[in-house]
Protein backbone atom coordinates (compact mmCIF):
# COMPACT_ATOMS: atom_id res chain seq x y z
CA MET A 1 81.95 129.32 124.46
CA SER A 2 83.31 128.99 121.02
CA ASN A 3 86.80 127.70 121.69
CA PHE A 4 88.55 126.48 124.85
CA SER A 5 91.84 128.03 125.87
CA PHE A 6 94.50 125.12 126.42
CA PRO A 7 97.88 125.48 127.84
CA ASP A 8 100.76 124.59 125.66
CA PHE A 9 101.79 121.03 126.06
CA ASP A 10 104.97 121.81 128.03
CA ASP A 11 102.94 124.06 130.35
CA LEU A 12 100.33 121.47 131.38
CA PRO A 13 100.40 120.70 135.09
CA VAL A 14 101.74 117.54 136.34
CA VAL A 15 99.25 114.76 137.18
CA LYS A 16 100.62 112.33 139.73
CA GLY A 17 101.38 108.99 138.10
CA GLN A 18 100.66 110.16 134.68
CA PRO A 19 103.00 111.25 131.77
CA LYS A 20 103.53 114.97 130.89
CA GLY A 21 100.60 116.04 128.74
CA CYS A 22 97.71 114.62 130.82
CA LEU A 23 94.48 116.63 130.72
CA TRP A 24 92.64 115.07 133.65
CA GLY A 25 90.45 117.58 135.42
CA PHE A 26 90.64 120.34 132.79
CA LEU A 27 87.27 119.50 131.49
CA ASP A 28 85.53 118.91 134.80
CA VAL A 29 82.25 120.76 135.47
CA ASP A 30 81.05 122.07 138.74
CA GLY A 31 83.25 119.80 140.70
CA GLN A 32 81.99 116.65 138.79
CA LYS A 33 84.63 114.33 137.12
CA ASP A 34 84.27 114.77 133.35
CA GLN A 35 83.06 111.73 131.37
CA LEU A 36 82.78 113.31 127.82
CA GLY A 37 86.45 114.37 127.29
CA ALA A 38 87.24 116.03 123.98
CA LEU A 39 83.61 115.90 122.96
CA ARG A 40 83.12 118.97 125.10
CA LEU A 41 84.94 120.90 122.34
CA LEU A 42 81.78 120.26 120.19
CA THR A 43 80.24 123.57 121.49
CA LYS A 44 77.02 124.96 119.94
CA GLU A 45 79.14 127.55 118.24
CA VAL A 46 81.62 124.97 116.79
CA VAL A 47 78.79 122.79 115.53
CA GLN A 48 76.80 125.65 114.04
CA LYS A 49 79.99 126.83 112.20
CA ALA A 50 80.37 123.38 110.64
CA LYS A 51 77.19 124.06 108.59
CA ASP A 52 79.18 126.56 106.56
CA GLU A 53 81.04 123.53 104.93
CA ILE A 54 77.74 122.18 103.39
CA GLN A 55 77.57 122.82 99.62
CA THR A 56 75.40 120.16 98.02
CA GLY A 57 73.62 118.43 100.92
CA THR A 58 74.94 115.08 99.78
CA HIS A 59 75.12 112.59 102.65
CA VAL A 60 76.81 109.12 102.65
CA GLN A 61 77.23 106.25 105.07
CA LEU A 62 80.66 105.66 106.56
CA ASP A 63 80.00 102.41 108.26
CA TRP A 64 81.44 99.11 106.97
CA PRO A 65 79.06 96.21 106.77
CA LEU A 66 79.14 94.01 109.88
CA HIS A 67 80.06 90.74 108.04
CA ASN A 68 83.40 92.01 106.62
CA ILE A 69 85.76 90.91 109.39
CA GLU A 70 85.34 87.17 109.02
CA PHE A 71 88.37 86.50 111.03
CA PRO A 72 88.51 88.67 114.07
CA GLY A 73 91.71 88.86 116.10
CA PHE A 74 92.31 89.13 119.90
CA GLY A 75 89.88 86.23 120.69
CA ARG A 76 86.81 88.22 119.45
CA ILE A 77 83.81 86.48 118.08
CA PRO A 78 82.62 86.84 114.45
CA LEU A 79 79.17 88.10 113.41
CA GLN A 80 76.43 85.61 114.02
CA HIS A 81 73.42 86.62 112.07
CA THR A 82 70.18 84.45 111.78
CA VAL A 83 66.68 85.34 110.40
CA LYS A 84 63.77 84.28 112.56
CA ASP A 85 60.58 83.37 110.68
CA LEU A 86 57.64 84.70 112.68
CA ALA A 87 55.11 82.49 110.78
CA GLU A 88 55.18 80.17 113.70
CA GLU A 89 54.00 83.01 115.98
CA GLY A 90 51.15 83.70 113.59
CA PHE A 91 52.70 86.62 111.72
CA VAL A 92 53.81 87.18 108.17
CA ALA A 93 57.04 88.67 109.24
CA PHE A 94 60.76 88.16 109.88
CA ASP A 95 63.15 89.25 112.77
CA ASP A 96 66.84 89.55 112.62
CA VAL A 97 68.83 88.10 115.55
CA ILE A 98 72.38 89.34 115.70
CA SER A 99 75.25 88.63 117.99
CA PHE A 100 78.69 90.28 117.36
CA ASN A 101 81.65 92.09 118.96
CA THR A 102 81.43 95.77 118.43
CA GLN A 103 85.14 95.96 117.71
CA THR A 104 84.89 93.84 114.62
CA SER A 105 83.35 96.56 112.40
CA SER A 106 82.69 100.30 112.24
CA GLN A 107 82.51 101.68 115.82
CA TRP A 108 83.48 104.22 118.33
CA ASP A 109 85.83 103.29 121.15
CA SER A 110 84.46 104.87 124.35
CA LEU A 111 86.61 106.23 127.08
CA LYS A 112 85.91 102.93 128.92
CA HIS A 113 87.39 100.75 126.16
CA PHE A 114 91.01 101.05 126.74
CA GLY A 115 93.04 102.02 129.75
CA SER A 116 96.68 102.58 130.53
CA GLN A 117 98.33 99.20 130.30
CA LYS A 118 101.00 100.11 132.77
CA THR A 119 98.94 101.78 135.57
CA GLY A 120 95.51 100.18 134.89
CA VAL A 121 93.74 103.53 135.05
CA TYR A 122 91.41 105.04 132.45
CA TYR A 123 90.50 108.63 131.57
CA ASN A 124 90.31 111.01 134.56
CA GLY A 125 91.63 108.48 136.83
CA TRP A 126 89.00 105.67 137.04
CA THR A 127 90.45 102.39 137.83
CA HIS A 128 89.70 99.06 136.04
CA GLY A 129 87.78 97.81 139.15
CA GLN A 130 85.73 100.92 139.38
CA LEU A 131 84.60 100.74 135.72
CA LYS A 132 83.96 97.04 135.97
CA SER A 133 81.26 97.65 138.49
CA SER A 134 79.78 101.05 137.11
CA ASN A 135 78.55 102.63 133.91
CA ASN A 136 81.02 105.51 134.12
CA LEU A 137 82.75 106.37 130.85
CA GLY A 138 80.43 104.08 128.82
CA ILE A 139 79.62 104.88 125.24
CA HIS A 140 76.01 105.78 126.32
CA LYS A 141 77.55 109.02 127.64
CA MET A 142 78.28 110.03 124.03
CA CYS A 143 74.66 109.16 123.07
CA ASP A 144 73.21 110.99 126.04
CA ARG A 145 74.94 114.27 124.95
CA GLY A 146 73.38 114.07 121.48
CA GLY A 147 75.88 111.93 119.67
CA ILE A 148 78.92 113.17 117.68
CA VAL A 149 78.12 115.96 115.31
CA GLY A 150 80.61 118.49 113.95
CA ARG A 151 83.10 119.18 111.20
CA GLY A 152 84.84 116.13 109.93
CA ILE A 153 88.09 116.53 108.05
CA LEU A 154 89.26 113.71 105.87
CA VAL A 155 93.07 113.37 105.75
CA ASP A 156 93.29 111.01 102.60
CA TRP A 157 96.86 109.93 103.14
CA LEU A 158 96.48 107.00 100.75
CA SER A 159 95.53 109.14 97.77
CA TRP A 160 98.31 111.74 98.62
CA TRP A 161 100.82 108.90 98.76
CA GLU A 162 99.76 107.40 95.48
CA HIS A 163 99.93 110.81 93.92
CA GLU A 164 103.47 111.50 95.22
CA ASN A 165 104.68 107.91 94.16
CA PRO A 166 102.96 107.16 90.86
CA GLY A 167 103.15 103.49 89.65
CA ILE A 168 104.41 102.31 93.02
CA GLU A 169 102.51 99.98 95.23
CA PRO A 170 101.60 101.83 98.65
CA PRO A 171 102.85 100.43 101.86
CA SER A 172 101.07 97.23 102.92
CA ALA A 173 97.98 97.83 105.04
CA ILE A 174 99.01 94.75 107.12
CA SER A 175 102.38 96.12 107.86
CA CYS A 176 103.37 98.25 110.84
CA HIS A 177 103.95 101.09 108.37
CA LYS A 178 104.20 104.32 110.31
CA ILE A 179 102.70 107.60 108.86
CA PRO A 180 104.69 110.53 110.25
CA VAL A 181 103.24 113.95 111.02
CA SER A 182 105.18 115.35 108.10
CA GLU A 183 102.98 113.25 105.81
CA LEU A 184 99.72 114.09 107.42
CA GLU A 185 100.60 117.66 107.11
CA ALA A 186 101.65 117.24 103.54
CA THR A 187 98.28 115.52 102.87
CA LEU A 188 96.37 118.42 104.46
CA ALA A 189 98.32 120.83 102.33
CA TYR A 190 97.72 118.85 99.15
CA GLN A 191 93.99 118.89 99.88
CA GLY A 192 93.96 122.38 100.99
CA THR A 193 92.28 121.36 104.18
CA GLU A 194 92.58 123.57 107.30
CA THR A 195 92.16 122.25 110.84
CA ARG A 196 90.14 123.88 113.64
CA GLN A 197 89.73 123.14 117.36
CA GLY A 198 86.87 120.63 117.77
CA ASN A 199 87.21 119.05 114.35
CA ILE A 200 86.76 115.28 113.87
CA LEU A 201 90.00 114.01 112.33
CA ILE A 202 89.51 110.97 109.95
CA VAL A 203 92.64 109.33 108.43
CA ARG A 204 92.56 107.11 105.41
CA SER A 205 95.37 104.69 105.51
CA GLY A 206 94.09 102.00 103.15
CA PHE A 207 93.07 99.02 105.39
CA VAL A 208 89.43 98.81 104.20
CA ARG A 209 90.50 98.96 100.46
CA TRP A 210 93.12 96.23 101.19
CA HIS A 211 90.49 94.06 102.94
CA ASN A 212 88.00 94.49 100.21
CA ASN A 213 90.35 93.24 97.56
CA ALA A 214 92.20 90.50 99.37
CA LYS A 215 91.46 86.77 99.21
CA ALA A 216 90.12 84.99 102.29
CA ASP A 217 93.41 83.47 103.40
CA ILE A 218 95.16 86.80 103.25
CA ARG A 219 92.35 88.46 105.11
CA ALA A 220 92.59 85.87 107.80
CA LEU A 221 96.39 86.46 108.02
CA GLY A 222 95.92 90.24 108.33
CA THR A 223 93.09 90.33 110.77
CA LYS A 224 93.55 87.16 112.98
CA THR A 225 96.87 85.48 112.57
CA GLN A 226 99.13 88.54 112.94
CA HIS A 227 98.48 91.95 114.18
CA TYR A 228 100.45 94.35 111.99
CA ILE A 229 98.49 97.35 110.91
CA ILE A 230 99.41 100.53 109.05
CA GLY A 231 98.63 103.84 110.72
CA PRO A 232 99.85 107.19 112.14
CA GLU A 233 103.17 106.92 113.95
CA ASN A 234 103.24 106.33 117.72
CA SER A 235 105.73 108.99 118.53
CA GLU A 236 106.08 112.10 120.72
CA GLU A 237 105.87 114.19 117.63
CA THR A 238 102.48 112.77 116.77
CA VAL A 239 101.31 113.19 120.41
CA ARG A 240 102.32 116.83 120.44
CA TRP A 241 100.73 117.42 116.94
CA LEU A 242 97.38 115.84 118.03
CA TYR A 243 97.46 117.86 121.22
CA SER A 244 98.10 121.14 119.37
CA LYS A 245 95.11 120.52 117.04
CA HIS A 246 92.59 119.81 119.92
CA PHE A 247 90.43 117.40 117.85
CA ALA A 248 86.99 116.49 119.47
CA ALA A 249 87.48 113.00 118.13
CA VAL A 250 89.61 111.01 115.75
CA ALA A 251 88.73 108.04 113.39
CA GLY A 252 90.03 106.12 110.41
CA ASP A 253 89.76 103.09 108.05
CA ILE A 254 91.82 100.66 110.23
CA MET A 255 91.57 98.49 113.22
CA GLY A 256 92.60 101.08 115.84
CA PHE A 257 93.91 104.44 114.90
CA GLU A 258 97.62 104.12 114.92
CA ALA A 259 100.26 101.77 113.51
CA TRP A 260 100.29 98.45 115.37
CA PRO A 261 101.90 97.06 117.38
CA TYR A 262 102.94 100.15 119.33
CA PRO A 263 106.41 100.59 120.94
CA ASP A 264 106.67 100.34 124.83
CA ASN A 265 107.10 104.08 125.20
CA CYS A 266 104.20 105.46 123.26
CA CYS A 267 100.69 104.32 122.53
CA LEU A 268 98.28 106.70 120.72
CA HIS A 269 95.33 104.76 122.11
CA GLU A 270 96.43 105.61 125.54
CA TRP A 271 97.11 109.22 124.83
CA LEU A 272 93.84 109.80 123.07
CA LEU A 273 91.43 107.70 125.25
CA VAL A 274 93.16 107.92 128.63
CA GLN A 275 95.06 111.10 128.80
CA TRP A 276 92.76 113.35 126.80
CA GLY A 277 89.41 111.53 126.60
CA THR A 278 89.27 111.63 122.73
CA PRO A 279 87.01 108.99 121.30
CA ILE A 280 88.41 106.89 118.52
CA GLY A 281 86.40 105.71 115.48
CA GLU A 282 87.62 102.54 113.88
CA LEU A 283 87.08 100.70 110.51
CA TRP A 284 85.28 103.35 108.77
CA ASP A 285 84.48 102.87 105.06
CA LEU A 286 85.50 106.10 103.48
CA ARG A 287 84.87 105.15 99.79
CA LEU A 288 81.66 106.93 99.26
CA TRP A 289 82.96 110.11 100.96
CA LEU A 290 85.89 110.12 98.56
CA LYS A 291 83.66 109.53 95.44
CA SER A 292 81.24 112.34 96.62
CA ALA A 293 84.07 114.73 97.39
CA ARG A 294 85.64 114.26 93.82
CA HIS A 295 82.34 115.33 92.20
CA VAL A 296 82.48 118.69 93.92
CA THR A 297 84.33 121.47 92.15
CA GLY A 298 87.74 121.68 93.81
CA GLY A 299 87.06 118.64 95.94
CA ARG A 300 85.87 118.66 99.56
CA SER A 301 87.54 116.92 102.42
CA SER A 302 85.24 118.22 105.16
């Protein structure tokens, strides 16, 4: 199968206790509750077609070094890294010993990471209690299927905004600045980037650049003391836009994916992870991708 055939948002069947737009059960296979969610859109045909984007064979790292978030928020522990000298064991060698919270640097949110804050359920109806005592929906499910490989599209909103507003400081990365769908679409048009079902959406809002340039006290303010973050707007319009695109996964360069804090009536984390089973990548360092893309004739954002 190349593409899945999805109902229009308004034609989706009602799932008891869930908002209109829930996809539970749609991706179940042979009567077994699905645990991969939108990653099932990464069919062999979709992945094979992604190779057509390759022009130079250049590859870059998108992970941000683990030590960057010195002041984690939400009670999370910072990186603890020690080097063990194995000379005492009779070897000329060293080991690394590392302890950290995976949410404090580049990572994927699995479908087990975040549930509905109002109903206490996760993707496809698992309850908090059920997941606490099982390995269902864990991130190992993504690994077992062979990881996440496909056509990634970069929506470089920050560069678009600076192009449209020369000489003006962009919105603060540690404000709850909401990026509307109209600006995501404008960025795609500016880049000449088209979206396809099964793409991996990656939005650059500017958080990593801000953090890399900020002084320690300001970094602490932005990551631990307060929790205001720039990002795509939490709105019905964004929900419908994301659904219409049928991305296999989404990611960005911020803590989370959407503007934070979210309003009571809409949280993209819940729509993506809970309602559709769409993994979220966070705190990706996109600088090398941008640098590499600008050296290709015409630029490349996929």
